[in-house]
Amino acid sequence: IAAMKQYVGLNVSQKETAVCVLDQDGKVLFEGKVPSDPGALARVIAKRAPVAELIGFETGAMASWLWHELKRVGLPVVCVDARHAHAVLSVRMNKSDPNDARGLAELIRVGWYRAVRVKSDESQAVRSLLVARSRLVSIRRDLENQVRSLLKEVGLLFRRAIGRQFRTRVLDLIDEKHVLRSIVEGLLAVHEKVEEQQTVLDRRVRKEAKADSTTRRLMSVPGVGVVTALAFRHTIDDPTRFRSAQTVGAYLGLTPRR
């Protein structure tokens, strides 16, 4: 006699995850909540759904981490497109975490879901590096614009400059007795620290690019620099998941009608 198939829906939140286990006929075998921790989830699944056919949860901030950790212990996890799941779950009565977990379990039981490819650990780490660097660049630029605005209000203007040259020109423009001196010095101190940390991340970005043959090949294209090449390389991650080059454009939002 074939073992009864089981399907698990996980509605993940920051602290707790609602768990629902269904059998192949849609009967609820278990409902409950456990901490949003891979170890705790693996234990409850091993106890309540030892022959789970599929375990599904929506895309979200913790989805990549949970997917990789549960996959490492051999669980058949699938990450479901949150927009697609929301369109289905939003029509259910009495919306709650347990009901959403049951709805997810039902979606994967009947196969009416859109699976999302989860990026590799390597690509996730590189993308985090690029996001952090981009944030530092944005902070540095905002500080420069703020200082320029303060000086412009008192009639002080100077040519474009960034980094250390920017700080030097600002301090040359206002003497020790100027009313803005103490205010601007505080902003410039932060600006200097931000630039230092951006330099550290810039070195890491160049190191990552140098170590990857695909990124180096992309950089051989005129106009494509280190950041662009590395971002494209790790956004695509595994090119074999695309049927053609046209689907890559759609994935990146370059053909929004597709």
C-alpha atoms as a PDB file:
ATOM      1  CA  ILE A   1       0.000   0.000   0.000  1.00  0.00           C
ATOM      2  CA  ALA A   2       1.454   3.370  -1.024  1.00  0.00           C
ATOM      3  CA  ALA A   3       2.147   5.812   1.790  1.00  0.00           C
ATOM      4  CA  MET A   4      -0.275   8.695   2.107  1.00  0.00           C
ATOM      5  CA  LYS A   5       1.308  11.845   0.645  1.00  0.00           C
ATOM      6  CA  GLN A   6       1.579  14.911   2.857  1.00  0.00           C
ATOM      7  CA  TYR A   7       1.784  18.599   1.953  1.00  0.00           C
ATOM      8  CA  VAL A   8       3.015  21.329   4.294  1.00  0.00           C
ATOM      9  CA  GLY A   9       2.230  25.038   4.180  1.00  0.00           C
ATOM     10  CA  LEU A  10       4.378  27.486   6.154  1.00  0.00           C
ATOM     11  CA  ASN A  11       3.193  31.029   6.771  1.00  0.00           C
ATOM     12  CA  VAL A  12       6.431  32.656   7.912  1.00  0.00           C
ATOM     13  CA  SER A  13       6.649  35.748  10.099  1.00  0.00           C
ATOM     14  CA  GLN A  14       9.590  37.211  11.981  1.00  0.00           C
ATOM     15  CA  LYS A  15       9.042  35.357  15.273  1.00  0.00           C
ATOM     16  CA  GLU A  16       6.656  32.493  14.575  1.00  0.00           C
ATOM     17  CA  THR A  17       5.659  30.349  11.629  1.00  0.00           C
ATOM     18  CA  ALA A  18       2.176  28.898  11.235  1.00  0.00           C
ATOM     19  CA  VAL A  19       2.360  25.288  10.031  1.00  0.00           C
ATOM     20  CA  CYS A  20      -0.371  23.285   8.313  1.00  0.00           C
ATOM     21  CA  VAL A  21      -0.079  19.676   7.142  1.00  0.00           C
ATOM     22  CA  LEU A  22      -2.591  18.215   4.673  1.00  0.00           C
ATOM     23  CA  ASP A  23      -2.884  14.700   3.303  1.00  0.00           C
ATOM     24  CA  GLN A  24      -3.332  14.005  -0.405  1.00  0.00           C
ATOM     25  CA  ASP A  25      -7.105  14.269  -0.038  1.00  0.00           C
ATOM     26  CA  GLY A  26      -6.936  17.711   1.594  1.00  0.00           C
ATOM     27  CA  LYS A  27      -7.620  16.537   5.152  1.00  0.00           C
ATOM     28  CA  VAL A  28      -5.884  18.587   7.861  1.00  0.00           C
ATOM     29  CA  LEU A  29      -3.416  16.396   9.769  1.00  0.00           C
ATOM     30  CA  PHE A  30      -1.808  19.100  11.883  1.00  0.00           C
ATOM     31  CA  GLU A  31      -1.996  22.834  12.554  1.00  0.00           C
ATOM     32  CA  GLY A  32       0.203  24.786  14.909  1.00  0.00           C
ATOM     33  CA  LYS A  33       2.864  27.433  15.386  1.00  0.00           C
ATOM     34  CA  VAL A  34       6.625  27.074  15.929  1.00  0.00           C
ATOM     35  CA  PRO A  35       9.508  29.574  16.159  1.00  0.00           C
ATOM     36  CA  SER A  36      10.735  30.820  12.768  1.00  0.00           C
ATOM     37  CA  ASP A  37      13.902  28.782  13.035  1.00  0.00           C
ATOM     38  CA  PRO A  38      15.033  26.109  10.536  1.00  0.00           C
ATOM     39  CA  GLY A  39      15.829  23.623  13.310  1.00  0.00           C
ATOM     40  CA  ALA A  40      12.419  24.000  14.963  1.00  0.00           C
ATOM     41  CA  LEU A  41      10.657  23.762  11.609  1.00  0.00           C
ATOM     42  CA  ALA A  42      12.619  20.660  10.596  1.00  0.00           C
ATOM     43  CA  ARG A  43      11.711  18.954  13.864  1.00  0.00           C
ATOM     44  CA  VAL A  44       7.983  19.625  13.624  1.00  0.00           C
ATOM     45  CA  ILE A  45       7.935  18.533   9.965  1.00  0.00           C
ATOM     46  CA  ALA A  46       9.814  15.329  10.800  1.00  0.00           C
ATOM     47  CA  LYS A  47       7.239  14.589  13.511  1.00  0.00           C
ATOM     48  CA  ARG A  48       4.022  15.734  11.834  1.00  0.00           C
ATOM     49  CA  ALA A  49       4.806  15.175   8.127  1.00  0.00           C
ATOM     50  CA  PRO A  50       7.527  12.507   7.906  1.00  0.00           C
ATOM     51  CA  VAL A  51       6.653  11.675   4.283  1.00  0.00           C
ATOM     52  CA  ALA A  52       6.082  15.248   3.091  1.00  0.00           C
ATOM     53  CA  GLU A  53       5.822  15.468  -0.688  1.00  0.00           C
ATOM     54  CA  LEU A  54       6.260  19.251  -0.772  1.00  0.00           C
ATOM     55  CA  ILE A  55       6.761  22.039   1.753  1.00  0.00           C
ATOM     56  CA  GLY A  56       5.808  25.505   0.562  1.00  0.00           C
ATOM     57  CA  PHE A  57       6.177  29.072   1.786  1.00  0.00           C
ATOM     58  CA  GLU A  58       5.963  32.502   0.168  1.00  0.00           C
ATOM     59  CA  THR A  59       8.803  34.717  -0.997  1.00  0.00           C
ATOM     60  CA  GLY A  60       9.863  37.246   1.634  1.00  0.00           C
ATOM     61  CA  ALA A  61      12.769  38.598   3.644  1.00  0.00           C
ATOM     62  CA  MET A  62      13.499  35.253   5.330  1.00  0.00           C
ATOM     63  CA  ALA A  63      12.607  32.999   2.396  1.00  0.00           C
ATOM     64  CA  SER A  64      16.108  32.529   0.965  1.00  0.00           C
ATOM     65  CA  TRP A  65      17.616  31.679   4.360  1.00  0.00           C
ATOM     66  CA  LEU A  66      14.866  29.195   5.228  1.00  0.00           C
ATOM     67  CA  TRP A  67      14.961  27.585   1.776  1.00  0.00           C
ATOM     68  CA  HIS A  68      18.714  26.929   1.938  1.00  0.00           C
ATOM     69  CA  GLU A  69      18.652  25.700   5.549  1.00  0.00           C
ATOM     70  CA  LEU A  70      15.714  23.330   5.048  1.00  0.00           C
ATOM     71  CA  LYS A  71      17.160  22.117   1.748  1.00  0.00           C
ATOM     72  CA  ARG A  72      20.414  21.230   3.522  1.00  0.00           C
ATOM     73  CA  VAL A  73      18.591  18.741   5.747  1.00  0.00           C
ATOM     74  CA  GLY A  74      16.939  17.114   2.736  1.00  0.00           C
ATOM     75  CA  LEU A  75      13.441  18.594   2.930  1.00  0.00           C
ATOM     76  CA  PRO A  76      11.478  19.072  -0.344  1.00  0.00           C
ATOM     77  CA  VAL A  77      10.916  22.820  -0.029  1.00  0.00           C
ATOM     78  CA  VAL A  78       9.479  25.123  -2.675  1.00  0.00           C
ATOM     79  CA  CYS A  79       9.327  28.922  -2.580  1.00  0.00           C
ATOM     80  CA  VAL A  80       6.020  30.286  -3.891  1.00  0.00           C
ATOM     81  CA  ASP A  81       5.598  33.622  -5.681  1.00  0.00           C
ATOM     82  CA  ALA A  82       4.044  35.873  -3.009  1.00  0.00           C
ATOM     83  CA  ARG A  83       2.036  37.892  -5.550  1.00  0.00           C
ATOM     84  CA  HIS A  84       0.488  34.766  -6.987  1.00  0.00           C
ATOM     85  CA  ALA A  85      -0.217  33.326  -3.546  1.00  0.00           C
ATOM     86  CA  HIS A  86      -1.696  36.609  -2.310  1.00  0.00           C
ATOM     87  CA  ALA A  87      -4.171  36.668  -5.211  1.00  0.00           C
ATOM     88  CA  VAL A  88      -5.483  33.295  -4.058  1.00  0.00           C
ATOM     89  CA  LEU A  89      -5.267  33.694  -0.291  1.00  0.00           C
ATOM     90  CA  SER A  90      -6.896  37.144  -0.271  1.00  0.00           C
ATOM     91  CA  VAL A  91     -10.273  35.649  -1.246  1.00  0.00           C
ATOM     92  CA  ARG A  92     -10.333  33.271   1.729  1.00  0.00           C
ATOM     93  CA  MET A  93     -12.661  34.025   4.611  1.00  0.00           C
ATOM     94  CA  ASN A  94     -11.282  34.897   8.057  1.00  0.00           C
ATOM     95  CA  LYS A  95      -7.752  35.751   6.955  1.00  0.00           C
ATOM     96  CA  SER A  96      -5.216  34.773   9.633  1.00  0.00           C
ATOM     97  CA  ASP A  97      -1.779  33.163   9.888  1.00  0.00           C
ATOM     98  CA  PRO A  98      -3.157  29.613  10.397  1.00  0.00           C
ATOM     99  CA  ASN A  99      -5.631  30.058   7.543  1.00  0.00           C
ATOM    100  CA  ASP A 100      -2.876  31.371   5.257  1.00  0.00           C
ATOM    101  CA  ALA A 101      -0.716  28.343   6.139  1.00  0.00           C
ATOM    102  CA  ARG A 102      -3.643  26.071   5.246  1.00  0.00           C
ATOM    103  CA  GLY A 103      -4.168  27.986   2.011  1.00  0.00           C
ATOM    104  CA  LEU A 104      -0.489  27.553   1.070  1.00  0.00           C
ATOM    105  CA  ALA A 105      -0.651  23.833   1.839  1.00  0.00           C
ATOM    106  CA  GLU A 106      -3.721  23.567  -0.379  1.00  0.00           C
ATOM    107  CA  LEU A 107      -2.010  25.480  -3.198  1.00  0.00           C
ATOM    108  CA  ILE A 108       0.954  23.116  -3.315  1.00  0.00           C
ATOM    109  CA  ARG A 109      -1.311  20.061  -2.878  1.00  0.00           C
ATOM    110  CA  VAL A 110      -3.258  20.876  -6.029  1.00  0.00           C
ATOM    111  CA  GLY A 111      -0.192  22.255  -7.834  1.00  0.00           C
ATOM    112  CA  TRP A 112      -1.675  25.694  -8.359  1.00  0.00           C
ATOM    113  CA  TYR A 113       1.360  27.778  -7.520  1.00  0.00           C
ATOM    114  CA  ARG A 114       4.258  29.536  -9.216  1.00  0.00           C
ATOM    115  CA  ALA A 115       7.620  28.404  -7.889  1.00  0.00           C
ATOM    116  CA  VAL A 116      10.340  31.031  -7.498  1.00  0.00           C
ATOM    117  CA  ARG A 117      14.003  30.263  -8.104  1.00  0.00           C
ATOM    118  CA  VAL A 118      16.039  30.920  -4.943  1.00  0.00           C
ATOM    119  CA  LYS A 119      19.490  32.348  -5.576  1.00  0.00           C
ATOM    120  CA  SER A 120      22.621  30.499  -4.492  1.00  0.00           C
ATOM    121  CA  ASP A 121      24.377  31.428  -1.249  1.00  0.00           C
ATOM    122  CA  GLU A 122      27.222  32.949  -3.275  1.00  0.00           C
ATOM    123  CA  SER A 123      24.956  35.187  -5.347  1.00  0.00           C
ATOM    124  CA  GLN A 124      22.968  36.208  -2.275  1.00  0.00           C
ATOM    125  CA  ALA A 125      26.176  37.275  -0.507  1.00  0.00           C
ATOM    126  CA  VAL A 126      27.456  39.258  -3.503  1.00  0.00           C
ATOM    127  CA  ARG A 127      24.102  40.994  -3.962  1.00  0.00           C
ATOM    128  CA  SER A 128      24.133  41.950  -0.262  1.00  0.00           C
ATOM    129  CA  LEU A 129      27.620  43.399  -0.774  1.00  0.00           C
ATOM    130  CA  LEU A 130      26.430  45.460  -3.747  1.00  0.00           C
ATOM    131  CA  VAL A 131      23.333  46.683  -1.876  1.00  0.00           C
ATOM    132  CA  ALA A 132      25.474  47.775   1.104  1.00  0.00           C
ATOM    133  CA  ARG A 133      27.919  49.596  -1.186  1.00  0.00           C
ATOM    134  CA  SER A 134      25.053  51.310  -3.016  1.00  0.00           C
ATOM    135  CA  ARG A 135      23.638  52.502   0.309  1.00  0.00           C
ATOM    136  CA  LEU A 136      26.984  54.017   1.330  1.00  0.00           C
ATOM    137  CA  VAL A 137      27.269  55.783  -2.032  1.00  0.00           C
ATOM    138  CA  SER A 138      23.774  57.195  -1.530  1.00  0.00           C
ATOM    139  CA  ILE A 139      24.551  58.380   2.016  1.00  0.00           C
ATOM    140  CA  ARG A 140      27.790  60.028   0.868  1.00  0.00           C
ATOM    141  CA  ARG A 141      26.004  61.805  -1.979  1.00  0.00           C
ATOM    142  CA  ASP A 142      23.191  62.974   0.332  1.00  0.00           C
ATOM    143  CA  LEU A 143      25.742  64.421   2.768  1.00  0.00           C
ATOM    144  CA  GLU A 144      27.514  66.266  -0.041  1.00  0.00           C
ATOM    145  CA  ASN A 145      24.231  67.692  -1.318  1.00  0.00           C
ATOM    146  CA  GLN A 146      23.225  68.750   2.192  1.00  0.00           C
ATOM    147  CA  VAL A 147      26.509  70.587   2.767  1.00  0.00           C
ATOM    148  CA  ARG A 148      26.268  72.274  -0.628  1.00  0.00           C
ATOM    149  CA  SER A 149      22.725  73.386   0.196  1.00  0.00           C
ATOM    150  CA  LEU A 150      23.789  74.864   3.552  1.00  0.00           C
ATOM    151  CA  LEU A 151      26.629  76.788   1.947  1.00  0.00           C
ATOM    152  CA  LYS A 152      24.502  77.960  -0.979  1.00  0.00           C
ATOM    153  CA  GLU A 153      22.058  79.584   1.474  1.00  0.00           C
ATOM    154  CA  VAL A 154      24.835  81.930   2.603  1.00  0.00           C
ATOM    155  CA  GLY A 155      26.136  82.585  -0.908  1.00  0.00           C
ATOM    156  CA  LEU A 156      29.051  80.136  -0.895  1.00  0.00           C
ATOM    157  CA  LEU A 157      29.488  78.052  -4.061  1.00  0.00           C
ATOM    158  CA  PHE A 158      32.275  75.800  -5.342  1.00  0.00           C
ATOM    159  CA  ARG A 159      32.998  73.424  -8.209  1.00  0.00           C
ATOM    160  CA  ARG A 160      31.970  69.770  -8.191  1.00  0.00           C
ATOM    161  CA  ALA A 161      34.130  67.519  -6.019  1.00  0.00           C
ATOM    162  CA  ILE A 162      33.801  64.211  -4.193  1.00  0.00           C
ATOM    163  CA  GLY A 163      35.594  62.399  -1.398  1.00  0.00           C
ATOM    164  CA  ARG A 164      38.551  64.062   0.319  1.00  0.00           C
ATOM    165  CA  GLN A 165      38.652  66.838  -2.278  1.00  0.00           C
ATOM    166  CA  PHE A 166      35.069  67.754  -1.369  1.00  0.00           C
ATOM    167  CA  ARG A 167      35.891  68.047   2.336  1.00  0.00           C
ATOM    168  CA  THR A 168      38.994  70.119   1.617  1.00  0.00           C
ATOM    169  CA  ARG A 169      37.129  72.596  -0.568  1.00  0.00           C
ATOM    170  CA  VAL A 170      34.366  73.023   1.994  1.00  0.00           C
ATOM    171  CA  LEU A 171      36.776  73.744   4.844  1.00  0.00           C
ATOM    172  CA  ASP A 172      38.768  76.139   2.654  1.00  0.00           C
ATOM    173  CA  LEU A 173      35.569  78.033   1.973  1.00  0.00           C
ATOM    174  CA  ILE A 174      34.490  78.629   5.587  1.00  0.00           C
ATOM    175  CA  ASP A 175      36.920  79.848   8.253  1.00  0.00           C
ATOM    176  CA  GLU A 176      36.979  78.867  11.931  1.00  0.00           C
ATOM    177  CA  LYS A 177      34.687  81.733  12.948  1.00  0.00           C
ATOM    178  CA  HIS A 178      31.988  81.102  10.365  1.00  0.00           C
ATOM    179  CA  VAL A 179      28.541  80.364  11.815  1.00  0.00           C
ATOM    180  CA  LEU A 180      28.282  77.142   9.778  1.00  0.00           C
ATOM    181  CA  ARG A 181      31.725  75.814  10.643  1.00  0.00           C
ATOM    182  CA  SER A 182      30.738  73.611  13.608  1.00  0.00           C
ATOM    183  CA  ILE A 183      27.620  72.328  11.830  1.00  0.00           C
ATOM    184  CA  VAL A 184      29.431  71.440   8.638  1.00  0.00           C
ATOM    185  CA  GLU A 185      32.337  69.803  10.476  1.00  0.00           C
ATOM    186  CA  GLY A 186      29.933  67.264  12.000  1.00  0.00           C
ATOM    187  CA  LEU A 187      28.560  66.364   8.574  1.00  0.00           C
ATOM    188  CA  LEU A 188      32.063  66.127   7.101  1.00  0.00           C
ATOM    189  CA  ALA A 189      33.184  63.786   9.907  1.00  0.00           C
ATOM    190  CA  VAL A 190      30.373  61.400   8.991  1.00  0.00           C
ATOM    191  CA  HIS A 191      31.180  61.880   5.299  1.00  0.00           C
ATOM    192  CA  GLU A 192      34.783  60.814   5.905  1.00  0.00           C
ATOM    193  CA  LYS A 193      33.754  57.625   7.751  1.00  0.00           C
ATOM    194  CA  VAL A 194      31.244  56.722   5.052  1.00  0.00           C
ATOM    195  CA  GLU A 195      33.892  57.185   2.375  1.00  0.00           C
ATOM    196  CA  GLU A 196      36.312  54.949   4.302  1.00  0.00           C
ATOM    197  CA  GLN A 197      33.772  52.132   4.509  1.00  0.00           C
ATOM    198  CA  GLN A 198      32.818  52.560   0.860  1.00  0.00           C
ATOM    199  CA  THR A 199      36.500  52.149  -0.040  1.00  0.00           C
ATOM    200  CA  VAL A 200      36.589  48.881   1.933  1.00  0.00           C
ATOM    201  CA  LEU A 201      33.554  47.552   0.059  1.00  0.00           C
ATOM    202  CA  ASP A 202      34.942  48.767  -3.272  1.00  0.00           C
ATOM    203  CA  ARG A 203      38.008  46.582  -2.703  1.00  0.00           C
ATOM    204  CA  ARG A 204      35.778  43.585  -1.962  1.00  0.00           C
ATOM    205  CA  VAL A 205      33.725  44.232  -5.103  1.00  0.00           C
ATOM    206  CA  ARG A 206      36.874  44.330  -7.267  1.00  0.00           C
ATOM    207  CA  LYS A 207      38.149  41.163  -5.611  1.00  0.00           C
ATOM    208  CA  GLU A 208      34.868  39.329  -6.295  1.00  0.00           C
ATOM    209  CA  ALA A 209      34.896  40.476  -9.918  1.00  0.00           C
ATOM    210  CA  LYS A 210      38.509  39.450 -10.464  1.00  0.00           C
ATOM    211  CA  ALA A 211      37.871  35.963  -9.076  1.00  0.00           C
ATOM    212  CA  ASP A 212      34.925  35.231 -11.417  1.00  0.00           C
ATOM    213  CA  SER A 213      35.582  34.426 -15.088  1.00  0.00           C
ATOM    214  CA  THR A 214      32.015  35.277 -16.181  1.00  0.00           C
ATOM    215  CA  THR A 215      32.211  38.716 -14.584  1.00  0.00           C
ATOM    216  CA  ARG A 216      35.581  39.368 -16.235  1.00  0.00           C
ATOM    217  CA  ARG A 217      34.086  38.410 -19.610  1.00  0.00           C
ATOM    218  CA  LEU A 218      31.167  40.815 -19.091  1.00  0.00           C
ATOM    219  CA  MET A 219      33.629  43.593 -18.226  1.00  0.00           C
ATOM    220  CA  SER A 220      35.234  43.168 -21.645  1.00  0.00           C
ATOM    221  CA  VAL A 221      32.097  44.764 -23.147  1.00  0.00           C
ATOM    222  CA  PRO A 222      32.689  48.516 -23.728  1.00  0.00           C
ATOM    223  CA  GLY A 223      30.975  50.597 -21.058  1.00  0.00           C
ATOM    224  CA  VAL A 224      30.413  47.719 -18.615  1.00  0.00           C
ATOM    225  CA  GLY A 225      32.238  48.258 -15.340  1.00  0.00           C
ATOM    226  CA  VAL A 226      32.885  46.184 -12.246  1.00  0.00           C
ATOM    227  CA  VAL A 227      29.636  46.927 -10.405  1.00  0.00           C
ATOM    228  CA  THR A 228      27.377  46.463 -13.448  1.00  0.00           C
ATOM    229  CA  ALA A 229      29.063  43.210 -14.488  1.00  0.00           C
ATOM    230  CA  LEU A 230      28.982  41.760 -10.983  1.00  0.00           C
ATOM    231  CA  ALA A 231      25.355  42.803 -10.430  1.00  0.00           C
ATOM    232  CA  PHE A 232      24.249  41.225 -13.733  1.00  0.00           C
ATOM    233  CA  ARG A 233      26.230  38.048 -13.089  1.00  0.00           C
ATOM    234  CA  HIS A 234      24.650  37.433  -9.686  1.00  0.00           C
ATOM    235  CA  THR A 235      21.161  38.623 -10.622  1.00  0.00           C
ATOM    236  CA  ILE A 236      21.066  35.950 -13.317  1.00  0.00           C
ATOM    237  CA  ASP A 237      22.923  33.469 -11.053  1.00  0.00           C
ATOM    238  CA  ASP A 238      22.191  30.280 -13.023  1.00  0.00           C
ATOM    239  CA  PRO A 239      21.603  31.012 -16.762  1.00  0.00           C
ATOM    240  CA  THR A 240      20.304  27.491 -17.431  1.00  0.00           C
ATOM    241  CA  ARG A 241      16.992  28.398 -15.776  1.00  0.00           C
ATOM    242  CA  PHE A 242      16.128  30.636 -18.756  1.00  0.00           C
ATOM    243  CA  ARG A 243      14.822  29.093 -21.973  1.00  0.00           C
ATOM    244  CA  SER A 244      16.127  31.944 -24.136  1.00  0.00           C
ATOM    245  CA  ALA A 245      17.759  35.378 -24.030  1.00  0.00           C
ATOM    246  CA  GLN A 246      14.321  36.972 -24.508  1.00  0.00           C
ATOM    247  CA  THR A 247      13.132  35.607 -21.162  1.00  0.00           C
ATOM    248  CA  VAL A 248      16.177  37.169 -19.465  1.00  0.00           C
ATOM    249  CA  GLY A 249      15.028  40.588 -20.657  1.00  0.00           C
ATOM    250  CA  ALA A 250      11.551  39.984 -19.283  1.00  0.00           C
ATOM    251  CA  TYR A 251      12.993  38.767 -15.954  1.00  0.00           C
ATOM    252  CA  LEU A 252      14.963  42.019 -15.635  1.00  0.00           C
ATOM    253  CA  GLY A 253      11.897  44.130 -16.415  1.00  0.00           C
ATOM    254  CA  LEU A 254      13.186  45.295 -19.809  1.00  0.00           C
ATOM    255  CA  THR A 255      10.100  43.920 -21.603  1.00  0.00           C
ATOM    256  CA  PRO A 256       7.307  44.682 -19.082  1.00  0.00           C
ATOM    257  CA  ARG A 257       4.492  43.409 -21.330  1.00  0.00           C
ATOM    258  CA  ARG A 258       5.913  39.856 -21.231  1.00  0.00           C
END
